[in-house]
Protein backbone atom coordinates (compact mmCIF):
# COMPACT_ATOMS: atom_id res chain seq x y z
CA UNK A 1 14.36 -7.39 6.30
CA UNK A 2 16.28 -4.27 5.25
CA UNK A 3 15.72 -2.81 1.81
CA UNK A 4 19.06 -3.99 0.37
CA UNK A 5 18.42 -7.64 1.23
CA UNK A 6 14.83 -7.23 0.05
CA UNK A 7 15.76 -5.86 -3.37
CA UNK A 8 18.40 -8.58 -3.79
CA UNK A 9 15.73 -11.20 -3.13
CA UNK A 10 13.05 -9.56 -5.27
CA UNK A 11 15.26 -8.72 -8.24
CA UNK A 12 17.92 -11.42 -8.73
CA UNK A 13 18.24 -10.42 -12.41
CA UNK A 14 19.45 -6.98 -11.41
CA UNK A 15 18.27 -3.56 -10.23
CA UNK A 16 19.39 0.06 -9.89
CA UNK A 17 17.43 0.90 -6.72
CA UNK A 18 19.12 3.47 -4.48
CA UNK A 19 18.17 5.14 -1.19
CA UNK A 20 18.30 8.86 -0.51
CA UNK A 21 16.87 10.28 2.71
CA UNK A 22 14.61 7.22 3.19
CA UNK A 23 13.27 7.44 -0.39
CA UNK A 24 13.84 4.43 -2.63
CA UNK A 25 13.87 4.72 -6.42
CA UNK A 26 15.23 2.95 -9.47
CA UNK A 27 14.44 0.20 -11.93
CA UNK A 28 14.68 -3.57 -11.87
CA UNK A 29 14.25 -6.58 -14.11
CA UNK A 30 11.30 -8.84 -13.32
CA UNK A 31 10.34 -11.76 -15.52
CA UNK A 32 12.51 -10.38 -18.34
CA UNK A 33 10.93 -6.90 -18.28
CA UNK A 34 12.01 -3.60 -16.74
CA UNK A 35 9.88 -2.26 -13.89
CA UNK A 36 9.94 1.03 -12.00
CA UNK A 37 10.64 0.71 -8.27
CA UNK A 38 9.75 3.36 -5.70
CA UNK A 39 9.31 3.18 -1.97
CA UNK A 40 10.45 4.16 1.47
CA UNK A 41 12.69 2.77 4.18
CA UNK A 42 13.77 3.52 7.74
CA UNK A 43 10.13 3.68 8.93
CA UNK A 44 9.95 6.88 6.90
CA UNK A 45 7.62 9.62 8.05
CA UNK A 46 5.99 10.84 4.85
CA UNK A 47 6.52 14.58 4.63
CA UNK A 48 5.99 16.87 1.67
CA UNK A 49 9.40 15.99 0.20
CA UNK A 50 8.97 12.20 0.01
CA UNK A 51 5.35 12.47 -1.11
CA UNK A 52 6.43 14.77 -3.95
CA UNK A 53 9.38 12.56 -4.93
CA UNK A 54 7.16 9.48 -5.14
CA UNK A 55 4.58 11.35 -7.22
CA UNK A 56 7.29 12.65 -9.56
CA UNK A 57 8.68 9.14 -10.06
CA UNK A 58 5.22 7.80 -10.91
CA UNK A 59 4.54 10.62 -13.39
CA UNK A 60 7.96 10.19 -15.02
CA UNK A 61 7.18 6.52 -15.60
CA UNK A 62 3.78 7.33 -17.09
CA UNK A 63 5.32 9.98 -19.34
CA UNK A 64 8.46 8.19 -20.50
CA UNK A 65 7.70 4.47 -20.11
CA UNK A 66 4.09 3.78 -21.13
CA UNK A 67 2.53 0.74 -19.44
CA UNK A 68 5.75 -0.13 -17.57
CA UNK A 69 4.95 -1.98 -14.35
CA UNK A 70 5.55 -0.26 -11.01
CA UNK A 71 6.56 -1.87 -7.71
CA UNK A 72 5.99 0.09 -4.49
CA UNK A 73 8.04 -0.99 -1.45
CA UNK A 74 6.41 0.15 1.79
CA UNK A 75 8.05 0.95 5.11
CA UNK A 76 6.46 4.00 6.72
CA UNK A 77 5.24 5.26 10.07
CA UNK A 78 2.63 7.39 8.31
CA UNK A 79 2.56 11.08 7.55
CA UNK A 80 5.06 13.35 9.26
CA UNK A 81 3.46 15.12 12.22
CA UNK A 82 5.13 18.50 12.03
CA UNK A 83 3.65 21.99 12.00
CA UNK A 84 5.73 22.81 8.89
CA UNK A 85 4.27 19.94 6.88
CA UNK A 86 0.74 20.76 8.00
CA UNK A 87 1.17 24.41 7.00
CA UNK A 88 2.54 23.36 3.61
CA UNK A 89 -0.50 21.15 3.06
CA UNK A 90 0.79 17.61 3.59
CA UNK A 91 -2.75 16.32 2.99
CA UNK A 92 -2.66 17.76 -0.52
CA UNK A 93 0.76 16.28 -1.24
CA UNK A 94 -0.41 12.83 -0.15
CA UNK A 95 -3.62 13.19 -2.13
CA UNK A 96 -1.51 14.12 -5.16
CA UNK A 97 0.54 10.94 -4.71
CA UNK A 98 -2.62 8.83 -4.59
CA UNK A 99 -3.96 10.57 -7.71
CA UNK A 100 -0.70 9.91 -9.58
CA UNK A 101 -0.86 6.20 -8.76
CA UNK A 102 -4.50 6.15 -9.86
CA UNK A 103 -3.52 7.86 -13.11
CA UNK A 104 -0.86 5.23 -13.73
CA UNK A 105 -3.41 2.46 -13.18
CA UNK A 106 -5.79 4.14 -15.64
CA UNK A 107 -2.94 4.29 -18.16
CA UNK A 108 -2.56 0.50 -17.88
CA UNK A 109 0.54 0.39 -15.70
CA UNK A 110 0.40 -2.71 -13.53
CA UNK A 111 1.16 -1.70 -9.93
CA UNK A 112 2.05 -4.00 -7.05
CA UNK A 113 2.74 -2.91 -3.48
CA UNK A 114 4.76 -4.83 -0.90
CA UNK A 115 4.83 -4.05 2.82
CA UNK A 116 8.21 -5.35 3.90
CA UNK A 117 8.49 -3.74 7.31
CA UNK A 118 5.96 -1.22 8.62
CA UNK A 119 2.85 0.35 7.09
CA UNK A 120 0.87 2.89 9.07
CA UNK A 121 -1.78 5.47 8.45
CA UNK A 122 -1.85 7.78 5.44
CA UNK A 123 1.61 6.76 4.30
CA UNK A 124 0.18 3.31 3.55
CA UNK A 125 -3.21 4.45 2.29
CA UNK A 126 -1.66 6.66 -0.41
CA UNK A 127 0.96 4.14 -1.54
CA UNK A 128 0.56 0.38 -1.10
CA UNK A 129 -3.21 0.47 -0.78
CA UNK A 130 -3.46 2.38 -4.08
CA UNK A 131 -1.77 -0.44 -6.01
CA UNK A 132 -3.66 -3.01 -8.08
CA UNK A 133 -2.78 -5.44 -5.30
CA UNK A 134 -0.74 -5.15 -2.11
CA UNK A 135 1.21 -7.93 -0.46
CA UNK A 136 3.17 -8.25 2.78
CA UNK A 137 6.04 -10.18 4.33
CA UNK A 138 5.17 -12.35 7.36
CA UNK A 139 6.75 -10.01 9.94
CA UNK A 140 5.27 -6.82 8.49
CA UNK A 141 3.48 -4.43 10.85
CA UNK A 142 0.30 -3.01 9.30
CA UNK A 143 -2.28 -0.71 10.81
CA UNK A 144 -4.09 2.41 9.75
CA UNK A 145 -4.79 3.50 13.31
CA UNK A 146 -3.51 2.07 16.57
CA UNK A 147 -6.03 1.10 19.24
CA UNK A 148 -5.06 3.94 21.62
CA UNK A 149 -5.64 6.51 18.84
CA UNK A 150 -8.83 4.73 17.78
CA UNK A 151 -10.10 4.93 21.36
CA UNK A 152 -9.46 8.68 21.48
CA UNK A 153 -11.23 9.29 18.16
CA UNK A 154 -14.23 6.99 18.62
CA UNK A 155 -14.60 7.51 22.42
CA UNK A 156 -14.84 3.73 22.77
CA UNK A 157 -12.71 2.50 25.70
CA UNK A 158 -9.41 0.98 24.62
CA UNK A 159 -10.15 -2.15 26.68
CA UNK A 160 -13.35 -2.67 24.67
CA UNK A 161 -11.50 -2.21 21.36
CA UNK A 162 -8.83 -4.66 22.50
CA UNK A 163 -11.56 -7.21 23.22
CA UNK A 164 -13.21 -6.61 19.85
CA UNK A 165 -9.86 -7.00 18.09
CA UNK A 166 -9.63 -10.61 19.30
CA UNK A 167 -12.52 -11.66 17.06
CA UNK A 168 -12.85 -8.89 14.47
CA UNK A 169 -9.92 -8.09 12.17
CA UNK A 170 -11.31 -4.63 11.46
CA UNK A 171 -10.11 -3.56 14.91
CA UNK A 172 -6.82 -5.45 14.89
CA UNK A 173 -3.45 -4.62 13.33
CA UNK A 174 -1.15 -7.08 11.57
CA UNK A 175 -0.64 -8.61 8.14
CA UNK A 176 -2.90 -11.60 8.82
CA UNK A 177 -5.83 -9.38 9.79
CA UNK A 178 -5.39 -7.23 6.69
CA UNK A 179 -5.31 -10.40 4.64
CA UNK A 180 -8.66 -11.43 6.14
CA UNK A 181 -10.10 -7.99 5.38
CA UNK A 182 -8.91 -8.09 1.79
CA UNK A 183 -6.56 -5.15 2.27
CA UNK A 184 -3.62 -7.25 1.18
CA UNK A 185 -3.80 -10.03 -1.38
CA UNK A 186 -1.37 -12.51 0.20
CA UNK A 187 1.53 -12.87 2.61
CA UNK A 188 4.77 -13.79 0.84
CA UNK A 189 7.32 -16.23 2.17
CA UNK A 190 10.01 -18.18 0.35
CA UNK A 191 10.89 -17.24 -3.25
CA UNK A 192 10.07 -13.53 -3.36
CA UNK A 193 11.19 -13.05 -6.96
CA UNK A 194 8.86 -15.78 -8.21
CA UNK A 195 5.95 -14.41 -6.19
CA UNK A 196 6.52 -10.85 -7.43
CA UNK A 197 6.60 -12.02 -11.05
CA UNK A 198 3.34 -13.91 -10.53
CA UNK A 199 1.74 -10.90 -8.82
CA UNK A 200 2.60 -8.60 -11.73
CA UNK A 201 1.20 -11.08 -14.23
CA UNK A 202 -2.03 -11.32 -12.23
CA UNK A 203 -2.38 -7.59 -11.47
CA UNK A 204 -5.72 -6.11 -12.48
CA UNK A 205 -7.12 -2.59 -12.04
CA UNK A 206 -10.41 -4.07 -10.83
CA UNK A 207 -10.72 -3.47 -7.08
CA UNK A 208 -11.75 -6.77 -5.47
CA UNK A 209 -10.78 -6.01 -1.87
CA UNK A 210 -14.33 -5.82 -0.52
CA UNK A 211 -15.24 -9.10 -2.22
CA UNK A 212 -12.07 -10.72 -0.87
CA UNK A 213 -12.84 -9.45 2.63
CA UNK A 214 -16.30 -11.01 2.46
CA UNK A 215 -14.94 -14.30 1.13
CA UNK A 216 -12.27 -14.47 3.83
CA UNK A 217 -14.64 -13.57 6.65
CA UNK A 218 -12.95 -10.30 7.58
CA UNK A 219 -15.55 -7.82 6.31
CA UNK A 220 -19.13 -8.96 6.27
CA UNK A 221 -20.89 -5.85 4.95
CA UNK A 222 -18.53 -3.81 2.75
CA UNK A 223 -19.17 -5.68 -0.49
CA UNK A 224 -22.95 -5.74 -0.07
CA UNK A 225 -23.08 -2.04 0.75
CA UNK A 226 -20.87 -1.21 -2.25
CA UNK A 227 -23.07 -3.23 -4.57
CA UNK A 228 -26.24 -1.64 -3.16
CA UNK A 229 -24.84 1.85 -3.80
CA UNK A 230 -23.73 0.92 -7.33
CA UNK A 231 -27.12 -0.66 -8.11
CA UNK A 232 -29.13 2.26 -6.76
CA UNK A 233 -30.77 4.03 -9.70
CA UNK A 234 -31.89 7.05 -7.71
CA UNK A 235 -35.40 8.47 -7.22
CA UNK A 236 -37.88 8.06 -10.09
């Protein structure tokens, strides 16, 4: 689904979202209230410019519209792999974006992410995965690292990773696998406007992804390890 059809379906009561160089921004009416909308389109590669624009939009909302909800629309191939961006410190720009979203959450802005096309790597980690809850459309492509890249990094043969991916969602891409792991809250189909309104009403800053992954059978250890670390009082 392209971003124009998506915004028409999500915001039937009206919106001002525009696209400029793969960056989406504007406002919309959801459930009778105005929300800030930011995002990307065109399988955007997140370079320093888009990362900065998204961060600026988040900070402007925090500064000028206290507690106004924020919707993040995700379609990205990950960070832009160019020498220029690396020399300018793309990692710092993306970290700044994540920090701005975290600031908004701490200032009681409800934040919902929606992967409507593609979500890869750091472009997803620092946007949709930073929201109170992230959702996806049925045909969305989601992965943090493809199996060929994972094989190169871990030195585990790609054939072995492919076999593991058949039974373990941690190794497998796709919206359904991220649902099982708790990375996304639900897969939306049908009335998108109604589902977005419900998601914003239910949004909570409490991170329950590890617990959801355990409950859904996608991550068997993350929640227990997290709780053990939080409960550890340290040496006497």
